């Protein structure tokens, strides 16, 4: 989030990352079903997309993005379209055609 890795200070007002309030925010994200890795990845993603260069003073800045991630994870996958789905029969046909071309002949 742009924090000084040595002092842990973020921003001009000297706020420190990892306050009790920040830990409560992170606990809420975890309780919502996000792993630490997902949380870190989402923070990095938000920071890459960010257009504002001002300091971020708390983890709650990322809460809406985390809520969006939780919602996306809980949505069911869309059914495969007929154009993109490959049935087992189609795969068998492709393998048979591959075998007929001699591409899988064993060396003697």
PDB file of N, CA and C in Angstrom:
ATOM      1  N   UNK A   1       0.823  -1.183   0.000  1.00  0.00           N
ATOM      2  CA  UNK A   1       0.000   0.000   0.000  1.00  0.00           C
ATOM      3  C   UNK A   1       0.868   1.248   0.000  1.00  0.00           C
ATOM      4  N   UNK A   2       2.106   1.104  -0.215  1.00  0.00           N
ATOM      5  CA  UNK A   2       2.977   2.252  -0.249  1.00  0.00           C
ATOM      6  C   UNK A   2       3.614   2.570   1.087  1.00  0.00           C
ATOM      7  N   UNK A   3       3.574   1.635   2.009  1.00  0.00           N
ATOM      8  CA  UNK A   3       4.145   1.867   3.333  1.00  0.00           C
ATOM      9  C   UNK A   3       5.657   1.790   3.285  1.00  0.00           C
ATOM     10  N   UNK A   4       6.275   2.512   4.177  1.00  0.00           N
ATOM     11  CA  UNK A   4       7.719   2.424   4.352  1.00  0.00           C
ATOM     12  C   UNK A   4       7.999   1.100   5.055  1.00  0.00           C
ATOM     13  N   UNK A   5       8.673   0.148   4.399  1.00  0.00           N
ATOM     14  CA  UNK A   5       8.866  -1.183   4.992  1.00  0.00           C
ATOM     15  C   UNK A   5       9.723  -1.173   6.254  1.00  0.00           C
ATOM     16  N   UNK A   6      10.501  -0.143   6.456  1.00  0.00           N
ATOM     17  CA  UNK A   6      11.362  -0.110   7.636  1.00  0.00           C
ATOM     18  C   UNK A   6      10.604   0.409   8.855  1.00  0.00           C
ATOM     19  N   UNK A   7       9.918   1.536   8.696  1.00  0.00           N
ATOM     20  CA  UNK A   7       9.229   2.124   9.845  1.00  0.00           C
ATOM     21  C   UNK A   7       7.792   1.641   9.980  1.00  0.00           C
ATOM     22  N   UNK A   8       7.200   1.176   8.878  1.00  0.00           N
ATOM     23  CA  UNK A   8       5.799   0.770   8.913  1.00  0.00           C
ATOM     24  C   UNK A   8       4.858   1.956   8.845  1.00  0.00           C
ATOM     25  N   UNK A   9       5.394   3.146   8.633  1.00  0.00           N
ATOM     26  CA  UNK A   9       4.575   4.347   8.598  1.00  0.00           C
ATOM     27  C   UNK A   9       4.030   4.551   7.188  1.00  0.00           C
ATOM     28  N   UNK A  10       2.778   4.898   7.125  1.00  0.00           N
ATOM     29  CA  UNK A  10       2.121   5.125   5.851  1.00  0.00           C
ATOM     30  C   UNK A  10       1.489   6.518   5.871  1.00  0.00           C
ATOM     31  N   UNK A  11       1.877   7.348   4.953  1.00  0.00           N
ATOM     32  CA  UNK A  11       1.244   8.655   4.832  1.00  0.00           C
ATOM     33  C   UNK A  11       1.938   9.728   5.645  1.00  0.00           C
ATOM     34  N   UNK A  12       1.481  10.929   5.403  1.00  0.00           N
ATOM     35  CA  UNK A  12       2.113  12.083   6.029  1.00  0.00           C
ATOM     36  C   UNK A  12       1.741  12.242   7.497  1.00  0.00           C
ATOM     37  N   UNK A  13       0.616  11.661   7.902  1.00  0.00           N
ATOM     38  CA  UNK A  13       0.193  11.844   9.286  1.00  0.00           C
ATOM     39  C   UNK A  13       0.806  10.828  10.236  1.00  0.00           C
ATOM     40  N   UNK A  14       1.636   9.936   9.725  1.00  0.00           N
ATOM     41  CA  UNK A  14       2.327   8.974  10.581  1.00  0.00           C
ATOM     42  C   UNK A  14       1.481   7.796  11.004  1.00  0.00           C
ATOM     43  N   UNK A  15       0.391   7.520  10.293  1.00  0.00           N
ATOM     44  CA  UNK A  15      -0.430   6.363  10.665  1.00  0.00           C
ATOM     45  C   UNK A  15       0.362   5.090  10.432  1.00  0.00           C
ATOM     46  N   UNK A  16       0.153   4.111  11.285  1.00  0.00           N
ATOM     47  CA  UNK A  16       0.884   2.854  11.214  1.00  0.00           C
ATOM     48  C   UNK A  16      -0.049   1.768  10.702  1.00  0.00           C
ATOM     49  N   UNK A  17       0.423   1.046   9.701  1.00  0.00           N
ATOM     50  CA  UNK A  17      -0.353  -0.081   9.182  1.00  0.00           C
ATOM     51  C   UNK A  17      -0.363  -1.203  10.199  1.00  0.00           C
ATOM     52  N   UNK A  18      -1.457  -1.946  10.220  1.00  0.00           N
ATOM     53  CA  UNK A  18      -1.539  -3.080  11.123  1.00  0.00           C
ATOM     54  C   UNK A  18      -2.093  -2.696  12.479  1.00  0.00           C
ATOM     55  N   UNK A  19      -2.859  -1.621  12.544  1.00  0.00           N
ATOM     56  CA  UNK A  19      -3.478  -1.226  13.807  1.00  0.00           C
ATOM     57  C   UNK A  19      -4.547  -2.253  14.179  1.00  0.00           C
ATOM     58  N   UNK A  20      -5.087  -2.120  15.373  1.00  0.00           N
ATOM     59  CA  UNK A  20      -6.160  -3.033  15.786  1.00  0.00           C
ATOM     60  C   UNK A  20      -7.341  -2.937  14.838  1.00  0.00           C
ATOM     61  N   UNK A  21      -7.649  -1.740  14.388  1.00  0.00           N
ATOM     62  CA  UNK A  21      -8.757  -1.567  13.440  1.00  0.00           C
ATOM     63  C   UNK A  21      -8.471  -2.305  12.125  1.00  0.00           C
ATOM     64  N   UNK A  22      -7.224  -2.240  11.650  1.00  0.00           N
ATOM     65  CA  UNK A  22      -6.850  -2.960  10.423  1.00  0.00           C
ATOM     66  C   UNK A  22      -6.971  -4.466  10.614  1.00  0.00           C
ATOM     67  N   UNK A  23      -6.579  -4.956  11.774  1.00  0.00           N
ATOM     68  CA  UNK A  23      -6.666  -6.394  12.041  1.00  0.00           C
ATOM     69  C   UNK A  23      -8.125  -6.853  12.074  1.00  0.00           C
ATOM     70  N   UNK A  24      -9.011  -6.021  12.582  1.00  0.00           N
ATOM     71  CA  UNK A  24     -10.444  -6.352  12.593  1.00  0.00           C
ATOM     72  C   UNK A  24     -10.967  -6.424  11.165  1.00  0.00           C
ATOM     73  N   UNK A  25     -10.536  -5.492  10.322  1.00  0.00           N
ATOM     74  CA  UNK A  25     -10.949  -5.503   8.911  1.00  0.00           C
ATOM     75  C   UNK A  25     -10.476  -6.784   8.245  1.00  0.00           C
ATOM     76  N   UNK A  26      -9.223  -7.156   8.464  1.00  0.00           N
ATOM     77  CA  UNK A  26      -8.689  -8.384   7.863  1.00  0.00           C
ATOM     78  C   UNK A  26      -9.416  -9.625   8.384  1.00  0.00           C
ATOM     79  N   UNK A  27      -9.768  -9.633   9.661  1.00  0.00           N
ATOM     80  CA  UNK A  27     -10.513 -10.761  10.223  1.00  0.00           C
ATOM     81  C   UNK A  27     -11.871 -10.897   9.543  1.00  0.00           C
ATOM     82  N   UNK A  28     -12.492  -9.775   9.212  1.00  0.00           N
ATOM     83  CA  UNK A  28     -13.778  -9.815   8.499  1.00  0.00           C
ATOM     84  C   UNK A  28     -13.605 -10.411   7.113  1.00  0.00           C
ATOM     85  N   UNK A  29     -12.513 -10.046   6.442  1.00  0.00           N
ATOM     86  CA  UNK A  29     -12.261 -10.608   5.113  1.00  0.00           C
ATOM     87  C   UNK A  29     -12.053 -12.119   5.208  1.00  0.00           C
ATOM     88  N   UNK A  30     -11.318 -12.545   6.228  1.00  0.00           N
ATOM     89  CA  UNK A  30     -11.068 -13.970   6.417  1.00  0.00           C
ATOM     90  C   UNK A  30     -12.374 -14.699   6.743  1.00  0.00           C
ATOM     91  N   UNK A  31     -13.181 -14.101   7.609  1.00  0.00           N
ATOM     92  CA  UNK A  31     -14.470 -14.707   7.965  1.00  0.00           C
ATOM     93  C   UNK A  31     -15.395 -14.798   6.758  1.00  0.00           C
ATOM     94  N   UNK A  32     -15.219 -13.907   5.802  1.00  0.00           N
ATOM     95  CA  UNK A  32     -16.037 -13.929   4.582  1.00  0.00           C
ATOM     96  C   UNK A  32     -15.586 -15.016   3.610  1.00  0.00           C
ATOM     97  N   UNK A  33     -14.444 -15.665   3.922  1.00  0.00           N
ATOM     98  CA  UNK A  33     -13.989 -16.782   3.096  1.00  0.00           C
ATOM     99  C   UNK A  33     -12.766 -16.509   2.246  1.00  0.00           C
ATOM    100  N   UNK A  34     -12.078 -15.404   2.487  1.00  0.00           N
ATOM    101  CA  UNK A  34     -10.882 -15.098   1.696  1.00  0.00           C
ATOM    102  C   UNK A  34      -9.625 -15.537   2.432  1.00  0.00           C
ATOM    103  N   UNK A  35      -8.776 -16.249   1.732  1.00  0.00           N
ATOM    104  CA  UNK A  35      -7.498 -16.662   2.311  1.00  0.00           C
ATOM    105  C   UNK A  35      -6.559 -15.459   2.365  1.00  0.00           C
ATOM    106  N   UNK A  36      -5.501 -15.584   3.129  1.00  0.00           N
ATOM    107  CA  UNK A  36      -4.500 -14.518   3.199  1.00  0.00           C
ATOM    108  C   UNK A  36      -3.926 -14.247   1.818  1.00  0.00           C
ATOM    109  N   UNK A  37      -3.676 -15.309   1.045  1.00  0.00           N
ATOM    110  CA  UNK A  37      -3.125 -15.151  -0.294  1.00  0.00           C
ATOM    111  C   UNK A  37      -4.088 -14.371  -1.191  1.00  0.00           C
ATOM    112  N   UNK A  38      -5.382 -14.665  -1.091  1.00  0.00           N
ATOM    113  CA  UNK A  38      -6.370 -13.941  -1.892  1.00  0.00           C
ATOM    114  C   UNK A  38      -6.426 -12.469  -1.483  1.00  0.00           C
ATOM    115  N   UNK A  39      -6.332 -12.220  -0.185  1.00  0.00           N
ATOM    116  CA  UNK A  39      -6.366 -10.843   0.304  1.00  0.00           C
ATOM    117  C   UNK A  39      -5.170 -10.050  -0.220  1.00  0.00           C
ATOM    118  N   UNK A  40      -3.994 -10.630  -0.119  1.00  0.00           N
ATOM    119  CA  UNK A  40      -2.783  -9.950  -0.590  1.00  0.00           C
ATOM    120  C   UNK A  40      -2.865  -9.719  -2.100  1.00  0.00           C
ATOM    121  N   UNK A  41      -3.309 -10.719  -2.824  1.00  0.00           N
ATOM    122  CA  UNK A  41      -3.432 -10.597  -4.271  1.00  0.00           C
ATOM    123  C   UNK A  41      -4.415  -9.491  -4.644  1.00  0.00           C
ATOM    124  N   UNK A  42      -5.517  -9.402  -3.922  1.00  0.00           N
ATOM    125  CA  UNK A  42      -6.514  -8.368  -4.213  1.00  0.00           C
ATOM    126  C   UNK A  42      -5.971  -6.976  -3.887  1.00  0.00           C
ATOM    127  N   UNK A  43      -5.255  -6.846  -2.788  1.00  0.00           N
ATOM    128  CA  UNK A  43      -4.643  -5.553  -2.448  1.00  0.00           C
ATOM    129  C   UNK A  43      -3.681  -5.136  -3.559  1.00  0.00           C
ATOM    130  N   UNK A  44      -2.854  -6.063  -4.012  1.00  0.00           N
ATOM    131  CA  UNK A  44      -1.909  -5.747  -5.092  1.00  0.00           C
ATOM    132  C   UNK A  44      -2.645  -5.347  -6.369  1.00  0.00           C
ATOM    133  N   UNK A  45      -3.716  -6.056  -6.670  1.00  0.00           N
ATOM    134  CA  UNK A  45      -4.499  -5.756  -7.859  1.00  0.00           C
ATOM    135  C   UNK A  45      -5.117  -4.361  -7.781  1.00  0.00           C
ATOM    136  N   UNK A  46      -5.672  -4.031  -6.634  1.00  0.00           N
ATOM    137  CA  UNK A  46      -6.261  -2.696  -6.448  1.00  0.00           C
ATOM    138  C   UNK A  46      -5.193  -1.629  -6.585  1.00  0.00           C
ATOM    139  N   UNK A  47      -4.034  -1.876  -6.007  1.00  0.00           N
ATOM    140  CA  UNK A  47      -2.959  -0.888  -6.061  1.00  0.00           C
ATOM    141  C   UNK A  47      -2.476  -0.664  -7.499  1.00  0.00           C
ATOM    142  N   UNK A  48      -2.473  -1.709  -8.322  1.00  0.00           N
ATOM    143  CA  UNK A  48      -2.058  -1.564  -9.720  1.00  0.00           C
ATOM    144  C   UNK A  48      -3.067  -0.736 -10.520  1.00  0.00           C
ATOM    145  N   UNK A  49      -4.362  -0.889 -10.179  1.00  0.00           N
ATOM    146  CA  UNK A  49      -5.412  -0.180 -10.909  1.00  0.00           C
ATOM    147  C   UNK A  49      -5.631   1.238 -10.385  1.00  0.00           C
ATOM    148  N   UNK A  50      -5.088   1.545  -9.271  1.00  0.00           N
ATOM    149  CA  UNK A  50      -5.345   2.805  -8.586  1.00  0.00           C
ATOM    150  C   UNK A  50      -4.809   3.990  -9.377  1.00  0.00           C
ATOM    151  N   UNK A  51      -5.637   5.015  -9.517  1.00  0.00           N
ATOM    152  CA  UNK A  51      -5.229   6.216 -10.247  1.00  0.00           C
ATOM    153  C   UNK A  51      -4.839   7.337  -9.293  1.00  0.00           C
ATOM    154  N   UNK A  52      -5.351   7.266  -8.098  1.00  0.00           N
ATOM    155  CA  UNK A  52      -5.074   8.275  -7.075  1.00  0.00           C
ATOM    156  C   UNK A  52      -3.735   7.933  -6.439  1.00  0.00           C
ATOM    157  N   UNK A  53      -2.877   8.907  -6.292  1.00  0.00           N
ATOM    158  CA  UNK A  53      -1.562   8.622  -5.717  1.00  0.00           C
ATOM    159  C   UNK A  53      -1.484   8.998  -4.241  1.00  0.00           C
ATOM    160  N   UNK A  54      -2.604   9.413  -3.670  1.00  0.00           N
ATOM    161  CA  UNK A  54      -2.605   9.784  -2.256  1.00  0.00           C
ATOM    162  C   UNK A  54      -2.426   8.570  -1.364  1.00  0.00           C
ATOM    163  N   UNK A  55      -2.074   8.808  -0.114  1.00  0.00           N
ATOM    164  CA  UNK A  55      -1.846   7.695   0.809  1.00  0.00           C
ATOM    165  C   UNK A  55      -3.146   6.993   1.191  1.00  0.00           C
ATOM    166  N   UNK A  56      -3.027   5.740   1.519  1.00  0.00           N
ATOM    167  CA  UNK A  56      -4.137   4.946   2.043  1.00  0.00           C
ATOM    168  C   UNK A  56      -3.886   4.816   3.537  1.00  0.00           C
ATOM    169  N   UNK A  57      -4.898   5.125   4.328  1.00  0.00           N
ATOM    170  CA  UNK A  57      -4.697   5.182   5.761  1.00  0.00           C
ATOM    171  C   UNK A  57      -5.188   3.961   6.523  1.00  0.00           C
ATOM    172  N   UNK A  58      -5.954   3.081   5.863  1.00  0.00           N
ATOM    173  CA  UNK A  58      -6.411   1.881   6.569  1.00  0.00           C
ATOM    174  C   UNK A  58      -6.770   0.787   5.571  1.00  0.00           C
ATOM    175  N   UNK A  59      -6.843  -0.429   6.076  1.00  0.00           N
ATOM    176  CA  UNK A  59      -7.193  -1.565   5.228  1.00  0.00           C
ATOM    177  C   UNK A  59      -8.645  -1.494   4.764  1.00  0.00           C
ATOM    178  N   UNK A  60      -9.479  -0.721   5.455  1.00  0.00           N
ATOM    179  CA  UNK A  60     -10.880  -0.626   5.050  1.00  0.00           C
ATOM    180  C   UNK A  60     -11.016  -0.027   3.643  1.00  0.00           C
ATOM    181  N   UNK A  61      -9.976   0.625   3.153  1.00  0.00           N
ATOM    182  CA  UNK A  61      -9.963   1.141   1.779  1.00  0.00           C
ATOM    183  C   UNK A  61     -10.258   0.009   0.789  1.00  0.00           C
ATOM    184  N   UNK A  62      -9.835  -1.208   1.111  1.00  0.00           N
ATOM    185  CA  UNK A  62      -9.961  -2.348   0.207  1.00  0.00           C
ATOM    186  C   UNK A  62     -11.219  -3.179   0.440  1.00  0.00           C
ATOM    187  N   UNK A  63     -12.042  -2.795   1.406  1.00  0.00           N
ATOM    188  CA  UNK A  63     -13.187  -3.630   1.788  1.00  0.00           C
ATOM    189  C   UNK A  63     -14.187  -3.848   0.659  1.00  0.00           C
ATOM    190  N   UNK A  64     -14.477  -2.815  -0.142  1.00  0.00           N
ATOM    191  CA  UNK A  64     -15.424  -2.996  -1.246  1.00  0.00           C
ATOM    192  C   UNK A  64     -14.875  -3.973  -2.273  1.00  0.00           C
ATOM    193  N   UNK A  65     -13.599  -3.867  -2.569  1.00  0.00           N
ATOM    194  CA  UNK A  65     -12.970  -4.784  -3.513  1.00  0.00           C
ATOM    195  C   UNK A  65     -12.998  -6.217  -2.978  1.00  0.00           C
ATOM    196  N   UNK A  66     -12.769  -6.369  -1.670  1.00  0.00           N
ATOM    197  CA  UNK A  66     -12.821  -7.703  -1.057  1.00  0.00           C
ATOM    198  C   UNK A  66     -14.239  -8.262  -1.117  1.00  0.00           C
ATOM    199  N   UNK A  67     -15.237  -7.405  -0.891  1.00  0.00           N
ATOM    200  CA  UNK A  67     -16.635  -7.851  -0.978  1.00  0.00           C
ATOM    201  C   UNK A  67     -16.964  -8.302  -2.395  1.00  0.00           C
ATOM    202  N   UNK A  68     -16.449  -7.568  -3.380  1.00  0.00           N
ATOM    203  CA  UNK A  68     -16.658  -7.966  -4.780  1.00  0.00           C
ATOM    204  C   UNK A  68     -16.012  -9.322  -5.071  1.00  0.00           C
ATOM    205  N   UNK A  69     -14.827  -9.553  -4.500  1.00  0.00           N
ATOM    206  CA  UNK A  69     -14.137 -10.828  -4.694  1.00  0.00           C
ATOM    207  C   UNK A  69     -14.925 -11.969  -4.057  1.00  0.00           C
ATOM    208  N   UNK A  70     -15.441 -11.753  -2.858  1.00  0.00           N
ATOM    209  CA  UNK A  70     -16.259 -12.777  -2.186  1.00  0.00           C
ATOM    210  C   UNK A  70     -17.480 -13.095  -3.036  1.00  0.00           C
ATOM    211  N   UNK A  71     -18.142 -12.068  -3.559  1.00  0.00           N
ATOM    212  CA  UNK A  71     -19.330 -12.278  -4.398  1.00  0.00           C
ATOM    213  C   UNK A  71     -18.978 -13.049  -5.665  1.00  0.00           C
ATOM    214  N   UNK A  72     -17.850 -12.715  -6.273  1.00  0.00           N
ATOM    215  CA  UNK A  72     -17.426 -13.409  -7.493  1.00  0.00           C
ATOM    216  C   UNK A  72     -17.125 -14.874  -7.218  1.00  0.00           C
ATOM    217  N   UNK A  73     -16.513 -15.143  -6.060  1.00  0.00           N
ATOM    218  CA  UNK A  73     -16.190 -16.531  -5.716  1.00  0.00           C
ATOM    219  C   UNK A  73     -17.439 -17.355  -5.448  1.00  0.00           C
ATOM    220  N   UNK A  74     -18.501 -16.710  -4.966  1.00  0.00           N
ATOM    221  CA  UNK A  74     -19.697 -17.466  -4.593  1.00  0.00           C
ATOM    222  C   UNK A  74     -20.654 -17.657  -5.764  1.00  0.00           C
ATOM    223  N   UNK A  75     -20.421 -16.941  -6.877  1.00  0.00           N
ATOM    224  CA  UNK A  75     -21.272 -17.129  -8.050  1.00  0.00           C
ATOM    225  C   UNK A  75     -21.008 -18.489  -8.671  1.00  0.00           C
ATOM    226  N   UNK A  76     -22.074 -19.182  -9.070  1.00  0.00           N
ATOM    227  CA  UNK A  76     -21.845 -20.466  -9.754  1.00  0.00           C
ATOM    228  C   UNK A  76     -21.206 -20.235 -11.125  1.00  0.00           C
ATOM    229  N   UNK A  77     -20.439 -21.199 -11.556  1.00  0.00           N
ATOM    230  CA  UNK A  77     -19.821 -21.106 -12.882  1.00  0.00           C
ATOM    231  C   UNK A  77     -20.894 -21.172 -13.947  1.00  0.00           C
ATOM    232  N   UNK A  78     -20.753 -20.406 -15.012  1.00  0.00           N
ATOM    233  CA  UNK A  78     -21.743 -20.479 -16.087  1.00  0.00           C
ATOM    234  C   UNK A  78     -21.645 -21.830 -16.789  1.00  0.00           C
ATOM    235  N   UNK A  79     -22.771 -22.299 -17.327  1.00  0.00           N
ATOM    236  CA  UNK A  79     -22.705 -23.582 -18.045  1.00  0.00           C
ATOM    237  C   UNK A  79     -21.829 -23.430 -19.281  1.00  0.00           C
ATOM    238  N   UNK A  80     -21.116 -24.484 -19.650  1.00  0.00           N
ATOM    239  CA  UNK A  80     -20.258 -24.389 -20.844  1.00  0.00           C
ATOM    240  C   UNK A  80     -21.117 -24.198 -22.087  1.00  0.00           C
ATOM    241  N   UNK A  81     -20.641 -23.391 -23.000  1.00  0.00           N
ATOM    242  CA  UNK A  81     -21.384 -23.189 -24.242  1.00  0.00           C
ATOM    243  C   UNK A  81     -21.094 -24.359 -25.172  1.00  0.00           C
ATOM    244  N   UNK A  82     -21.976 -24.573 -26.092  1.00  0.00           N
ATOM    245  CA  UNK A  82     -21.798 -25.685 -27.035  1.00  0.00           C
ATOM    246  C   UNK A  82     -20.570 -25.471 -27.906  1.00  0.00           C
ATOM    247  N   UNK A  83     -20.224 -24.215 -28.162  1.00  0.00           N
ATOM    248  CA  UNK A  83     -19.079 -23.922 -29.017  1.00  0.00           C
ATOM    249  C   UNK A  83     -17.762 -24.264 -28.342  1.00  0.00           C
ATOM    250  N   UNK A  84     -17.711 -24.114 -27.014  1.00  0.00           N
ATOM    251  CA  UNK A  84     -16.442 -24.322 -26.331  1.00  0.00           C
ATOM    252  C   UNK A  84     -16.331 -25.667 -25.642  1.00  0.00           C
ATOM    253  N   UNK A  85     -17.458 -26.346 -25.444  1.00  0.00           N
ATOM    254  CA  UNK A  85     -17.371 -27.615 -24.737  1.00  0.00           C
ATOM    255  C   UNK A  85     -16.926 -28.724 -25.672  1.00  0.00           C
ATOM    256  N   UNK A  86     -16.086 -29.567 -25.172  1.00  0.00           N
ATOM    257  CA  UNK A  86     -15.606 -30.719 -25.930  1.00  0.00           C
ATOM    258  C   UNK A  86     -16.070 -31.952 -25.186  1.00  0.00           C
ATOM    259  N   UNK A  87     -16.960 -32.698 -25.811  1.00  0.00           N
ATOM    260  CA  UNK A  87     -17.437 -33.921 -25.194  1.00  0.00           C
ATOM    261  C   UNK A  87     -16.401 -35.013 -25.289  1.00  0.00           C
ATOM    262  N   UNK A  88     -16.577 -36.048 -24.491  1.00  0.00           N
ATOM    263  CA  UNK A  88     -15.642 -37.161 -24.516  1.00  0.00           C
ATOM    264  C   UNK A  88     -15.618 -37.804 -25.894  1.00  0.00           C
ATOM    265  N   UNK A  89     -16.785 -37.861 -26.546  1.00  0.00           N
ATOM    266  CA  UNK A  89     -16.841 -38.427 -27.890  1.00  0.00           C
ATOM    267  C   UNK A  89     -15.972 -37.646 -28.856  1.00  0.00           C
ATOM    268  N   UNK A  90     -16.010 -36.309 -28.753  1.00  0.00           N
ATOM    269  CA  UNK A  90     -15.177 -35.473 -29.610  1.00  0.00           C
ATOM    270  C   UNK A  90     -13.701 -35.717 -29.335  1.00  0.00           C
ATOM    271  N   UNK A  91     -13.360 -35.858 -28.072  1.00  0.00           N
ATOM    272  CA  UNK A  91     -11.967 -36.108 -27.706  1.00  0.00           C
ATOM    273  C   UNK A  91     -11.512 -37.460 -28.246  1.00  0.00           C
ATOM    274  N   UNK A  92     -12.376 -38.464 -28.131  1.00  0.00           N
ATOM    275  CA  UNK A  92     -12.044 -39.781 -28.671  1.00  0.00           C
ATOM    276  C   UNK A  92     -11.812 -39.716 -30.176  1.00  0.00           C
ATOM    277  N   UNK A  93     -12.637 -38.949 -30.884  1.00  0.00           N
ATOM    278  CA  UNK A  93     -12.472 -38.805 -32.332  1.00  0.00           C
ATOM    279  C   UNK A  93     -11.137 -38.137 -32.664  1.00  0.00           C
ATOM    280  N   UNK A  94     -10.802 -37.120 -31.900  1.00  0.00           N
ATOM    281  CA  UNK A  94      -9.536 -36.425 -32.150  1.00  0.00           C
ATOM    282  C   UNK A  94      -8.352 -37.352 -31.888  1.00  0.00           C
ATOM    283  N   UNK A  95      -8.439 -38.141 -30.823  1.00  0.00           N
ATOM    284  CA  UNK A  95      -7.351 -39.063 -30.507  1.00  0.00           C
ATOM    285  C   UNK A  95      -7.233 -40.138 -31.590  1.00  0.00           C
ATOM    286  N   UNK A  96      -8.353 -40.618 -32.082  1.00  0.00           N
ATOM    287  CA  UNK A  96      -8.326 -41.625 -33.144  1.00  0.00           C
ATOM    288  C   UNK A  96      -7.703 -41.050 -34.408  1.00  0.00           C
ATOM    289  N   UNK A  97      -8.060 -39.808 -34.741  1.00  0.00           N
ATOM    290  CA  UNK A  97      -7.481 -39.169 -35.920  1.00  0.00           C
ATOM    291  C   UNK A  97      -5.982 -38.973 -35.722  1.00  0.00           C
ATOM    292  N   UNK A  98      -5.575 -38.597 -34.521  1.00  0.00           N
ATOM    293  CA  UNK A  98      -4.162 -38.415 -34.191  1.00  0.00           C
ATOM    294  C   UNK A  98      -3.411 -39.726 -34.378  1.00  0.00           C
ATOM    295  N   UNK A  99      -4.005 -40.815 -33.896  1.00  0.00           N
ATOM    296  CA  UNK A  99      -3.379 -42.130 -34.008  1.00  0.00           C
ATOM    297  C   UNK A  99      -3.278 -42.571 -35.467  1.00  0.00           C
ATOM    298  N   UNK A 100      -4.281 -42.269 -36.283  1.00  0.00           N
ATOM    299  CA  UNK A 100      -4.252 -42.641 -37.698  1.00  0.00           C
ATOM    300  C   UNK A 100      -3.150 -41.927 -38.451  1.00  0.00           C
ATOM    301  N   UNK A 101      -2.779 -40.742 -38.024  1.00  0.00           N
ATOM    302  CA  UNK A 101      -1.737 -39.997 -38.746  1.00  0.00           C
ATOM    303  C   UNK A 101      -0.367 -40.563 -38.476  1.00  0.00           C
ATOM    304  N   UNK A 102      -0.266 -41.487 -37.522  1.00  0.00           N
ATOM    305  CA  UNK A 102       1.032 -42.076 -37.211  1.00  0.00           C
ATOM    306  C   UNK A 102       1.839 -41.229 -36.245  1.00  0.00           C
ATOM    307  N   UNK A 103       1.219 -40.205 -35.694  1.00  0.00           N
ATOM    308  CA  UNK A 103       1.943 -39.297 -34.802  1.00  0.00           C
ATOM    309  C   UNK A 103       2.333 -39.979 -33.497  1.00  0.00           C
ATOM    310  N   UNK A 104       1.632 -41.044 -33.141  1.00  0.00           N
ATOM    311  CA  UNK A 104       1.942 -41.691 -31.862  1.00  0.00           C
ATOM    312  C   UNK A 104       2.593 -43.051 -32.051  1.00  0.00           C
ATOM    313  N   UNK A 105       3.146 -43.317 -33.258  1.00  0.00           N
ATOM    314  CA  UNK A 105       3.777 -44.606 -33.479  1.00  0.00           C
ATOM    315  C   UNK A 105       5.019 -44.727 -32.588  1.00  0.00           C
ATOM    316  N   UNK A 106       5.177 -45.907 -32.044  1.00  0.00           N
ATOM    317  CA  UNK A 106       6.347 -46.148 -31.178  1.00  0.00           C
ATOM    318  C   UNK A 106       7.561 -46.417 -32.032  1.00  0.00           C
ATOM    319  N   UNK A 107       8.681 -45.946 -31.590  1.00  0.00           N
ATOM    320  CA  UNK A 107       9.945 -46.231 -32.280  1.00  0.00           C
ATOM    321  C   UNK A 107      10.333 -47.679 -32.024  1.00  0.00           C
ATOM    322  N   UNK A 108      10.795 -48.341 -33.045  1.00  0.00           N
ATOM    323  CA  UNK A 108      11.169 -49.755 -32.886  1.00  0.00           C
ATOM    324  C   UNK A 108      12.631 -49.906 -32.714  1.00  0.00           C
TER     325      UNK A 108
END
